[in-house]
Amino acid sequence: MVLLALPRPVLFRCSNLQEFVHHVAKVTNMRILTPITALGPSNFLAANLYARSIFGEDALVNVSVENKADGSIRGHIRIRAKTQGVALSLGDRITAKQKL
């Protein structure tokens, strides 16, 4: 099984990392696998999200972000899926819904 990985840069104006992960989960209709509420306040966060399309295709999203001194969030979102179409669709949806 070959997985396609598409890294996406993060540019988000918010200082709460948990809020950002919940935002990504909401706009992509994905489930958060990592219990991020158990983590204490920190300047960085890594979380995994999972979804299955209506066609039965799986997608895994890895979010790695950190707070910067200017109050913005920087990091990467890595999307893994069997087919390129699913990964590109998720990446486009995340990019379109980022608050700059």
PDB file of N, CA and C in Angstrom:
ATOM      1  N   MET A   1       0.848  -1.178   0.000  1.00  0.00           N
ATOM      2  CA  MET A   1       0.000   0.000   0.000  1.00  0.00           C
ATOM      3  C   MET A   1       0.892   1.238   0.000  1.00  0.00           C
ATOM      4  N   VAL A   2       0.707   2.069  -0.984  1.00  0.00           N
ATOM      5  CA  VAL A   2       1.474   3.309  -1.107  1.00  0.00           C
ATOM      6  C   VAL A   2       0.623   4.464  -0.602  1.00  0.00           C
ATOM      7  N   LEU A   3       1.200   5.268   0.270  1.00  0.00           N
ATOM      8  CA  LEU A   3       0.496   6.421   0.810  1.00  0.00           C
ATOM      9  C   LEU A   3       1.089   7.694   0.234  1.00  0.00           C
ATOM     10  N   LEU A   4       0.241   8.614  -0.100  1.00  0.00           N
ATOM     11  CA  LEU A   4       0.661   9.901  -0.629  1.00  0.00           C
ATOM     12  C   LEU A   4       0.716  10.901   0.513  1.00  0.00           C
ATOM     13  N   ALA A   5       1.809  11.598   0.645  1.00  0.00           N
ATOM     14  CA  ALA A   5       1.954  12.595   1.708  1.00  0.00           C
ATOM     15  C   ALA A   5       2.107  13.968   1.083  1.00  0.00           C
ATOM     16  N   LEU A   6       1.227  14.872   1.450  1.00  0.00           N
ATOM     17  CA  LEU A   6       1.272  16.241   0.954  1.00  0.00           C
ATOM     18  C   LEU A   6       1.420  17.200   2.122  1.00  0.00           C
ATOM     19  N   PRO A   7       2.603  17.765   2.338  1.00  0.00           N
ATOM     20  CA  PRO A   7       2.741  18.739   3.424  1.00  0.00           C
ATOM     21  C   PRO A   7       2.114  20.072   3.023  1.00  0.00           C
ATOM     22  N   ARG A   8       1.408  20.693   3.942  1.00  0.00           N
ATOM     23  CA  ARG A   8       0.802  22.008   3.731  1.00  0.00           C
ATOM     24  C   ARG A   8       1.300  22.952   4.803  1.00  0.00           C
ATOM     25  N   PRO A   9       1.762  24.161   4.436  1.00  0.00           N
ATOM     26  CA  PRO A   9       2.180  25.120   5.459  1.00  0.00           C
ATOM     27  C   PRO A   9       0.966  25.680   6.201  1.00  0.00           C
ATOM     28  N   VAL A  10       1.193  26.065   7.436  1.00  0.00           N
ATOM     29  CA  VAL A  10       0.124  26.621   8.271  1.00  0.00           C
ATOM     30  C   VAL A  10       0.390  28.096   8.490  1.00  0.00           C
ATOM     31  N   LEU A  11      -0.592  28.918   8.212  1.00  0.00           N
ATOM     32  CA  LEU A  11      -0.543  30.353   8.498  1.00  0.00           C
ATOM     33  C   LEU A  11      -1.876  30.710   9.142  1.00  0.00           C
ATOM     34  N   PHE A  12      -1.913  30.801  10.449  1.00  0.00           N
ATOM     35  CA  PHE A  12      -3.169  30.957  11.170  1.00  0.00           C
ATOM     36  C   PHE A  12      -2.984  32.002  12.256  1.00  0.00           C
ATOM     37  N   ARG A  13      -3.846  32.999  12.301  1.00  0.00           N
ATOM     38  CA  ARG A  13      -3.766  34.077  13.300  1.00  0.00           C
ATOM     39  C   ARG A  13      -4.626  33.724  14.514  1.00  0.00           C
ATOM     40  N   CYS A  14      -4.050  32.982  15.412  1.00  0.00           N
ATOM     41  CA  CYS A  14      -4.709  32.601  16.653  1.00  0.00           C
ATOM     42  C   CYS A  14      -3.617  32.046  17.550  1.00  0.00           C
ATOM     43  N   SER A  15      -3.711  32.230  18.832  1.00  0.00           N
ATOM     44  CA  SER A  15      -2.644  31.757  19.712  1.00  0.00           C
ATOM     45  C   SER A  15      -2.975  30.438  20.391  1.00  0.00           C
ATOM     46  N   ASN A  16      -4.175  29.915  20.209  1.00  0.00           N
ATOM     47  CA  ASN A  16      -4.572  28.680  20.864  1.00  0.00           C
ATOM     48  C   ASN A  16      -4.395  27.500  19.906  1.00  0.00           C
ATOM     49  N   LEU A  17      -3.443  26.636  20.201  1.00  0.00           N
ATOM     50  CA  LEU A  17      -3.140  25.505  19.326  1.00  0.00           C
ATOM     51  C   LEU A  17      -4.276  24.487  19.296  1.00  0.00           C
ATOM     52  N   GLN A  18      -4.904  24.252  20.438  1.00  0.00           N
ATOM     53  CA  GLN A  18      -6.013  23.299  20.485  1.00  0.00           C
ATOM     54  C   GLN A  18      -7.186  23.795  19.646  1.00  0.00           C
ATOM     55  N   GLU A  19      -7.438  25.097  19.677  1.00  0.00           N
ATOM     56  CA  GLU A  19      -8.502  25.677  18.857  1.00  0.00           C
ATOM     57  C   GLU A  19      -8.209  25.463  17.368  1.00  0.00           C
ATOM     58  N   PHE A  20      -6.953  25.593  16.986  1.00  0.00           N
ATOM     59  CA  PHE A  20      -6.584  25.388  15.590  1.00  0.00           C
ATOM     60  C   PHE A  20      -6.842  23.944  15.155  1.00  0.00           C
ATOM     61  N   VAL A  21      -6.457  22.979  15.996  1.00  0.00           N
ATOM     62  CA  VAL A  21      -6.675  21.578  15.649  1.00  0.00           C
ATOM     63  C   VAL A  21      -8.167  21.282  15.532  1.00  0.00           C
ATOM     64  N   HIS A  22      -8.961  21.834  16.433  1.00  0.00           N
ATOM     65  CA  HIS A  22     -10.418  21.650  16.345  1.00  0.00           C
ATOM     66  C   HIS A  22     -10.976  22.308  15.074  1.00  0.00           C
ATOM     67  N   HIS A  23     -10.405  23.439  14.687  1.00  0.00           N
ATOM     68  CA  HIS A  23     -10.822  24.114  13.452  1.00  0.00           C
ATOM     69  C   HIS A  23     -10.541  23.237  12.235  1.00  0.00           C
ATOM     70  N   VAL A  24      -9.350  22.641  12.176  1.00  0.00           N
ATOM     71  CA  VAL A  24      -9.001  21.757  11.056  1.00  0.00           C
ATOM     72  C   VAL A  24      -9.942  20.551  11.025  1.00  0.00           C
ATOM     73  N   ALA A  25     -10.223  19.975  12.196  1.00  0.00           N
ATOM     74  CA  ALA A  25     -11.121  18.824  12.264  1.00  0.00           C
ATOM     75  C   ALA A  25     -12.528  19.196  11.782  1.00  0.00           C
ATOM     76  N   LYS A  26     -12.969  20.391  12.121  1.00  0.00           N
ATOM     77  CA  LYS A  26     -14.312  20.825  11.734  1.00  0.00           C
ATOM     78  C   LYS A  26     -14.425  21.054  10.230  1.00  0.00           C
ATOM     79  N   VAL A  27     -13.447  21.745   9.632  1.00  0.00           N
ATOM     80  CA  VAL A  27     -13.554  22.065   8.197  1.00  0.00           C
ATOM     81  C   VAL A  27     -13.307  20.847   7.310  1.00  0.00           C
ATOM     82  N   THR A  28     -12.651  19.814   7.844  1.00  0.00           N
ATOM     83  CA  THR A  28     -12.391  18.614   7.049  1.00  0.00           C
ATOM     84  C   THR A  28     -13.311  17.451   7.404  1.00  0.00           C
ATOM     85  N   ASN A  29     -14.175  17.637   8.379  1.00  0.00           N
ATOM     86  CA  ASN A  29     -15.068  16.569   8.858  1.00  0.00           C
ATOM     87  C   ASN A  29     -14.277  15.333   9.284  1.00  0.00           C
ATOM     88  N   MET A  30     -13.210  15.574  10.049  1.00  0.00           N
ATOM     89  CA  MET A  30     -12.346  14.494  10.508  1.00  0.00           C
ATOM     90  C   MET A  30     -12.479  14.320  12.014  1.00  0.00           C
ATOM     91  N   ARG A  31     -12.045  13.148  12.480  1.00  0.00           N
ATOM     92  CA  ARG A  31     -12.078  12.838  13.903  1.00  0.00           C
ATOM     93  C   ARG A  31     -10.667  12.977  14.460  1.00  0.00           C
ATOM     94  N   ILE A  32     -10.532  13.614  15.610  1.00  0.00           N
ATOM     95  CA  ILE A  32      -9.231  13.798  16.248  1.00  0.00           C
ATOM     96  C   ILE A  32      -8.879  12.509  16.995  1.00  0.00           C
ATOM     97  N   LEU A  33      -7.745  11.897  16.621  1.00  0.00           N
ATOM     98  CA  LEU A  33      -7.303  10.668  17.267  1.00  0.00           C
ATOM     99  C   LEU A  33      -6.467  10.940  18.508  1.00  0.00           C
ATOM    100  N   THR A  34      -5.725  12.026  18.523  1.00  0.00           N
ATOM    101  CA  THR A  34      -4.844  12.370  19.635  1.00  0.00           C
ATOM    102  C   THR A  34      -5.641  13.095  20.719  1.00  0.00           C
ATOM    103  N   PRO A  35      -5.577  12.644  21.954  1.00  0.00           N
ATOM    104  CA  PRO A  35      -6.308  13.334  23.030  1.00  0.00           C
ATOM    105  C   PRO A  35      -5.615  14.650  23.409  1.00  0.00           C
ATOM    106  N   ILE A  36      -5.858  15.698  22.625  1.00  0.00           N
ATOM    107  CA  ILE A  36      -5.142  16.958  22.834  1.00  0.00           C
ATOM    108  C   ILE A  36      -5.589  17.689  24.092  1.00  0.00           C
ATOM    109  N   THR A  37      -6.765  17.389  24.598  1.00  0.00           N
ATOM    110  CA  THR A  37      -7.209  18.056  25.830  1.00  0.00           C
ATOM    111  C   THR A  37      -6.410  17.573  27.034  1.00  0.00           C
ATOM    112  N   ALA A  38      -5.808  16.390  26.937  1.00  0.00           N
ATOM    113  CA  ALA A  38      -5.001  15.868  28.040  1.00  0.00           C
ATOM    114  C   ALA A  38      -3.651  16.576  28.136  1.00  0.00           C
ATOM    115  N   LEU A  39      -3.238  17.219  27.041  1.00  0.00           N
ATOM    116  CA  LEU A  39      -1.958  17.927  27.041  1.00  0.00           C
ATOM    117  C   LEU A  39      -2.121  19.276  27.730  1.00  0.00           C
ATOM    118  N   GLY A  40      -1.136  19.660  28.456  1.00  0.00           N
ATOM    119  CA  GLY A  40      -1.172  20.954  29.128  1.00  0.00           C
ATOM    120  C   GLY A  40      -0.840  22.070  28.157  1.00  0.00           C
ATOM    121  N   PRO A  41      -0.886  23.308  28.617  1.00  0.00           N
ATOM    122  CA  PRO A  41      -0.521  24.423  27.742  1.00  0.00           C
ATOM    123  C   PRO A  41       0.944  24.324  27.341  1.00  0.00           C
ATOM    124  N   SER A  42       1.194  24.496  26.055  1.00  0.00           N
ATOM    125  CA  SER A  42       2.538  24.368  25.523  1.00  0.00           C
ATOM    126  C   SER A  42       2.662  25.247  24.294  1.00  0.00           C
ATOM    127  N   ASN A  43       3.880  25.445  23.824  1.00  0.00           N
ATOM    128  CA  ASN A  43       4.107  26.242  22.622  1.00  0.00           C
ATOM    129  C   ASN A  43       4.101  25.412  21.356  1.00  0.00           C
ATOM    130  N   PHE A  44       3.933  24.101  21.468  1.00  0.00           N
ATOM    131  CA  PHE A  44       3.867  23.260  20.279  1.00  0.00           C
ATOM    132  C   PHE A  44       2.845  22.147  20.503  1.00  0.00           C
ATOM    133  N   LEU A  45       2.346  21.594  19.399  1.00  0.00           N
ATOM    134  CA  LEU A  45       1.323  20.561  19.473  1.00  0.00           C
ATOM    135  C   LEU A  45       1.390  19.704  18.222  1.00  0.00           C
ATOM    136  N   ALA A  46       1.277  18.404  18.383  1.00  0.00           N
ATOM    137  CA  ALA A  46       1.181  17.472  17.262  1.00  0.00           C
ATOM    138  C   ALA A  46      -0.059  16.624  17.482  1.00  0.00           C
ATOM    139  N   ALA A  47      -0.884  16.504  16.466  1.00  0.00           N
ATOM    140  CA  ALA A  47      -2.127  15.745  16.580  1.00  0.00           C
ATOM    141  C   ALA A  47      -2.395  14.994  15.287  1.00  0.00           C
ATOM    142  N   ASN A  48      -3.103  13.879  15.396  1.00  0.00           N
ATOM    143  CA  ASN A  48      -3.496  13.081  14.247  1.00  0.00           C
ATOM    144  C   ASN A  48      -5.008  13.115  14.099  1.00  0.00           C
ATOM    145  N   LEU A  49      -5.464  13.233  12.849  1.00  0.00           N
ATOM    146  CA  LEU A  49      -6.884  13.234  12.538  1.00  0.00           C
ATOM    147  C   LEU A  49      -7.146  12.140  11.503  1.00  0.00           C
ATOM    148  N   TYR A  50      -8.350  11.561  11.534  1.00  0.00           N
ATOM    149  CA  TYR A  50      -8.683  10.457  10.645  1.00  0.00           C
ATOM    150  C   TYR A  50     -10.082  10.642  10.076  1.00  0.00           C
ATOM    151  N   ALA A  51     -10.245  10.214   8.829  1.00  0.00           N
ATOM    152  CA  ALA A  51     -11.572  10.214   8.209  1.00  0.00           C
ATOM    153  C   ALA A  51     -11.633   9.123   7.161  1.00  0.00           C
ATOM    154  N   ARG A  52     -12.841   8.672   6.869  1.00  0.00           N
ATOM    155  CA  ARG A  52     -13.092   7.725   5.791  1.00  0.00           C
ATOM    156  C   ARG A  52     -14.128   8.364   4.876  1.00  0.00           C
ATOM    157  N   SER A  53     -13.819   8.391   3.585  1.00  0.00           N
ATOM    158  CA  SER A  53     -14.731   9.008   2.618  1.00  0.00           C
ATOM    159  C   SER A  53     -15.944   8.119   2.395  1.00  0.00           C
ATOM    160  N   ILE A  54     -16.927   8.665   1.700  1.00  0.00           N
ATOM    161  CA  ILE A  54     -18.123   7.880   1.402  1.00  0.00           C
ATOM    162  C   ILE A  54     -17.822   6.734   0.447  1.00  0.00           C
ATOM    163  N   PHE A  55     -16.646   6.785  -0.188  1.00  0.00           N
ATOM    164  CA  PHE A  55     -16.225   5.722  -1.089  1.00  0.00           C
ATOM    165  C   PHE A  55     -15.357   4.684  -0.383  1.00  0.00           C
ATOM    166  N   GLY A  56     -15.155   4.834   0.940  1.00  0.00           N
ATOM    167  CA  GLY A  56     -14.384   3.883   1.714  1.00  0.00           C
ATOM    168  C   GLY A  56     -12.885   4.135   1.712  1.00  0.00           C
ATOM    169  N   GLU A  57     -12.451   5.303   1.256  1.00  0.00           N
ATOM    170  CA  GLU A  57     -11.032   5.628   1.235  1.00  0.00           C
ATOM    171  C   GLU A  57     -10.639   6.290   2.561  1.00  0.00           C
ATOM    172  N   ASP A  58      -9.536   5.835   3.131  1.00  0.00           N
ATOM    173  CA  ASP A  58      -9.052   6.378   4.397  1.00  0.00           C
ATOM    174  C   ASP A  58      -8.131   7.561   4.160  1.00  0.00           C
ATOM    175  N   ALA A  59      -8.152   8.495   5.107  1.00  0.00           N
ATOM    176  CA  ALA A  59      -7.245   9.649   5.066  1.00  0.00           C
ATOM    177  C   ALA A  59      -6.762   9.921   6.480  1.00  0.00           C
ATOM    178  N   LEU A  60      -5.472  10.181   6.602  1.00  0.00           N
ATOM    179  CA  LEU A  60      -4.858  10.514   7.878  1.00  0.00           C
ATOM    180  C   LEU A  60      -4.176  11.862   7.740  1.00  0.00           C
ATOM    181  N   VAL A  61      -4.425  12.752   8.694  1.00  0.00           N
ATOM    182  CA  VAL A  61      -3.819  14.083   8.687  1.00  0.00           C
ATOM    183  C   VAL A  61      -3.004  14.234   9.962  1.00  0.00           C
ATOM    184  N   ASN A  62      -1.749  14.639   9.803  1.00  0.00           N
ATOM    185  CA  ASN A  62      -0.881  14.915  10.933  1.00  0.00           C
ATOM    186  C   ASN A  62      -0.661  16.418  10.993  1.00  0.00           C
ATOM    187  N   VAL A  63      -1.019  17.023  12.122  1.00  0.00           N
ATOM    188  CA  VAL A  63      -0.872  18.463  12.319  1.00  0.00           C
ATOM    189  C   VAL A  63       0.254  18.690  13.316  1.00  0.00           C
ATOM    190  N   SER A  64       1.285  19.417  12.899  1.00  0.00           N
ATOM    191  CA  SER A  64       2.402  19.781  13.776  1.00  0.00           C
ATOM    192  C   SER A  64       2.526  21.298  13.751  1.00  0.00           C
ATOM    193  N   VAL A  65       2.188  21.948  14.863  1.00  0.00           N
ATOM    194  CA  VAL A  65       2.152  23.408  14.895  1.00  0.00           C
ATOM    195  C   VAL A  65       2.827  23.929  16.166  1.00  0.00           C
ATOM    196  N   GLU A  66       3.218  25.207  16.106  1.00  0.00           N
ATOM    197  CA  GLU A  66       3.803  25.873  17.262  1.00  0.00           C
ATOM    198  C   GLU A  66       3.372  27.330  17.285  1.00  0.00           C
ATOM    199  N   ASN A  67       3.362  27.896  18.487  1.00  0.00           N
ATOM    200  CA  ASN A  67       3.085  29.321  18.658  1.00  0.00           C
ATOM    201  C   ASN A  67       4.356  30.105  18.397  1.00  0.00           C
ATOM    202  N   LYS A  68       4.231  31.182  17.660  1.00  0.00           N
ATOM    203  CA  LYS A  68       5.358  32.080  17.424  1.00  0.00           C
ATOM    204  C   LYS A  68       5.231  33.292  18.337  1.00  0.00           C
ATOM    205  N   ALA A  69       6.303  34.060  18.443  1.00  0.00           N
ATOM    206  CA  ALA A  69       6.329  35.228  19.328  1.00  0.00           C
ATOM    207  C   ALA A  69       5.325  36.294  18.911  1.00  0.00           C
ATOM    208  N   ASP A  70       4.995  36.370  17.611  1.00  0.00           N
ATOM    209  CA  ASP A  70       4.047  37.381  17.131  1.00  0.00           C
ATOM    210  C   ASP A  70       2.590  36.970  17.336  1.00  0.00           C
ATOM    211  N   GLY A  71       2.340  35.824  17.969  1.00  0.00           N
ATOM    212  CA  GLY A  71       0.982  35.386  18.252  1.00  0.00           C
ATOM    213  C   GLY A  71       0.373  34.518  17.172  1.00  0.00           C
ATOM    214  N   SER A  72       1.101  34.264  16.099  1.00  0.00           N
ATOM    215  CA  SER A  72       0.567  33.422  15.025  1.00  0.00           C
ATOM    216  C   SER A  72       0.957  31.965  15.261  1.00  0.00           C
ATOM    217  N   ILE A  73       0.320  31.094  14.521  1.00  0.00           N
ATOM    218  CA  ILE A  73       0.611  29.670  14.569  1.00  0.00           C
ATOM    219  C   ILE A  73       1.326  29.300  13.278  1.00  0.00           C
ATOM    220  N   ARG A  74       2.430  28.610  13.399  1.00  0.00           N
ATOM    221  CA  ARG A  74       3.201  28.140  12.243  1.00  0.00           C
ATOM    222  C   ARG A  74       3.415  26.643  12.380  1.00  0.00           C
ATOM    223  N   GLY A  75       3.505  25.981  11.247  1.00  0.00           N
ATOM    224  CA  GLY A  75       3.761  24.548  11.264  1.00  0.00           C
ATOM    225  C   GLY A  75       3.393  23.918   9.943  1.00  0.00           C
ATOM    226  N   HIS A  76       3.181  22.605   9.981  1.00  0.00           N
ATOM    227  CA  HIS A  76       2.844  21.866   8.774  1.00  0.00           C
ATOM    228  C   HIS A  76       1.700  20.909   9.029  1.00  0.00           C
ATOM    229  N   ILE A  77       0.966  20.654   7.965  1.00  0.00           N
ATOM    230  CA  ILE A  77      -0.086  19.651   7.979  1.00  0.00           C
ATOM    231  C   ILE A  77       0.287  18.627   6.920  1.00  0.00           C
ATOM    232  N   ARG A  78       0.435  17.379   7.328  1.00  0.00           N
ATOM    233  CA  ARG A  78       0.789  16.313   6.393  1.00  0.00           C
ATOM    234  C   ARG A  78      -0.442  15.442   6.181  1.00  0.00           C
ATOM    235  N   ILE A  79      -0.799  15.262   4.933  1.00  0.00           N
ATOM    236  CA  ILE A  79      -1.996  14.507   4.566  1.00  0.00           C
ATOM    237  C   ILE A  79      -1.560  13.205   3.908  1.00  0.00           C
ATOM    238  N   ARG A  80      -2.091  12.098   4.403  1.00  0.00           N
ATOM    239  CA  ARG A  80      -1.776  10.795   3.825  1.00  0.00           C
ATOM    240  C   ARG A  80      -3.064  10.126   3.379  1.00  0.00           C
ATOM    241  N   ALA A  81      -3.055   9.641   2.150  1.00  0.00           N
ATOM    242  CA  ALA A  81      -4.209   8.938   1.596  1.00  0.00           C
ATOM    243  C   ALA A  81      -3.722   8.000   0.495  1.00  0.00           C
ATOM    244  N   LYS A  82      -4.515   6.986   0.188  1.00  0.00           N
ATOM    245  CA  LYS A  82      -4.136   6.056  -0.876  1.00  0.00           C
ATOM    246  C   LYS A  82      -4.191   6.715  -2.243  1.00  0.00           C
ATOM    247  N   THR A  83      -5.172   7.587  -2.432  1.00  0.00           N
ATOM    248  CA  THR A  83      -5.335   8.219  -3.738  1.00  0.00           C
ATOM    249  C   THR A  83      -4.987   9.696  -3.650  1.00  0.00           C
ATOM    250  N   GLN A  84      -4.446  10.201  -4.735  1.00  0.00           N
ATOM    251  CA  GLN A  84      -4.030  11.598  -4.781  1.00  0.00           C
ATOM    252  C   GLN A  84      -5.226  12.536  -4.684  1.00  0.00           C
ATOM    253  N   GLY A  85      -6.356  12.156  -5.238  1.00  0.00           N
ATOM    254  CA  GLY A  85      -7.538  13.016  -5.229  1.00  0.00           C
ATOM    255  C   GLY A  85      -8.027  13.346  -3.840  1.00  0.00           C
ATOM    256  N   VAL A  86      -8.040  12.363  -2.957  1.00  0.00           N
ATOM    257  CA  VAL A  86      -8.489  12.582  -1.585  1.00  0.00           C
ATOM    258  C   VAL A  86      -7.533  13.532  -0.867  1.00  0.00           C
ATOM    259  N   ALA A  87      -6.232  13.303  -1.028  1.00  0.00           N
ATOM    260  CA  ALA A  87      -5.248  14.154  -0.364  1.00  0.00           C
ATOM    261  C   ALA A  87      -5.310  15.589  -0.882  1.00  0.00           C
ATOM    262  N   LEU A  88      -5.435  15.761  -2.185  1.00  0.00           N
ATOM    263  CA  LEU A  88      -5.512  17.110  -2.746  1.00  0.00           C
ATOM    264  C   LEU A  88      -6.790  17.825  -2.313  1.00  0.00           C
ATOM    265  N   SER A  89      -7.890  17.101  -2.270  1.00  0.00           N
ATOM    266  CA  SER A  89      -9.157  17.697  -1.847  1.00  0.00           C
ATOM    267  C   SER A  89      -9.080  18.186  -0.402  1.00  0.00           C
ATOM    268  N   LEU A  90      -8.539  17.357   0.486  1.00  0.00           N
ATOM    269  CA  LEU A  90      -8.396  17.771   1.878  1.00  0.00           C
ATOM    270  C   LEU A  90      -7.445  18.954   2.007  1.00  0.00           C
ATOM    271  N   GLY A  91      -6.334  18.921   1.282  1.00  0.00           N
ATOM    272  CA  GLY A  91      -5.371  20.019   1.336  1.00  0.00           C
ATOM    273  C   GLY A  91      -5.956  21.328   0.850  1.00  0.00           C
ATOM    274  N   ASP A  92      -6.725  21.271  -0.223  1.00  0.00           N
ATOM    275  CA  ASP A  92      -7.370  22.480  -0.741  1.00  0.00           C
ATOM    276  C   ASP A  92      -8.401  23.017   0.244  1.00  0.00           C
ATOM    277  N   ARG A  93      -9.149  22.124   0.890  1.00  0.00           N
ATOM    278  CA  ARG A  93     -10.160  22.553   1.848  1.00  0.00           C
ATOM    279  C   ARG A  93      -9.518  23.220   3.062  1.00  0.00           C
ATOM    280  N   ILE A  94      -8.415  22.654   3.556  1.00  0.00           N
ATOM    281  CA  ILE A  94      -7.712  23.230   4.708  1.00  0.00           C
ATOM    282  C   ILE A  94      -7.128  24.595   4.336  1.00  0.00           C
ATOM    283  N   THR A  95      -6.493  24.682   3.169  1.00  0.00           N
ATOM    284  CA  THR A  95      -5.886  25.933   2.745  1.00  0.00           C
ATOM    285  C   THR A  95      -6.937  27.027   2.579  1.00  0.00           C
ATOM    286  N   ALA A  96      -8.089  26.681   2.020  1.00  0.00           N
ATOM    287  CA  ALA A  96      -9.138  27.670   1.778  1.00  0.00           C
ATOM    288  C   ALA A  96      -9.757  28.193   3.078  1.00  0.00           C
ATOM    289  N   LYS A  97      -9.752  27.374   4.121  1.00  0.00           N
ATOM    290  CA  LYS A  97     -10.422  27.753   5.372  1.00  0.00           C
ATOM    291  C   LYS A  97      -9.497  28.345   6.427  1.00  0.00           C
ATOM    292  N   GLN A  98      -8.216  28.529   6.083  1.00  0.00           N
ATOM    293  CA  GLN A  98      -7.300  29.128   7.058  1.00  0.00           C
ATOM    294  C   GLN A  98      -7.603  30.614   7.213  1.00  0.00           C
ATOM    295  N   LYS A  99      -7.554  31.080   8.455  1.00  0.00           N
ATOM    296  CA  LYS A  99      -7.754  32.497   8.738  1.00  0.00           C
ATOM    297  C   LYS A  99      -6.403  33.174   8.696  1.00  0.00           C
ATOM    298  N   LEU A 100      -6.231  34.113   7.792  1.00  0.00           N
ATOM    299  CA  LEU A 100      -4.955  34.816   7.697  1.00  0.00           C
ATOM    300  C   LEU A 100      -5.017  36.145   8.400  1.00  0.00           C
TER     301      LEU A 100
END
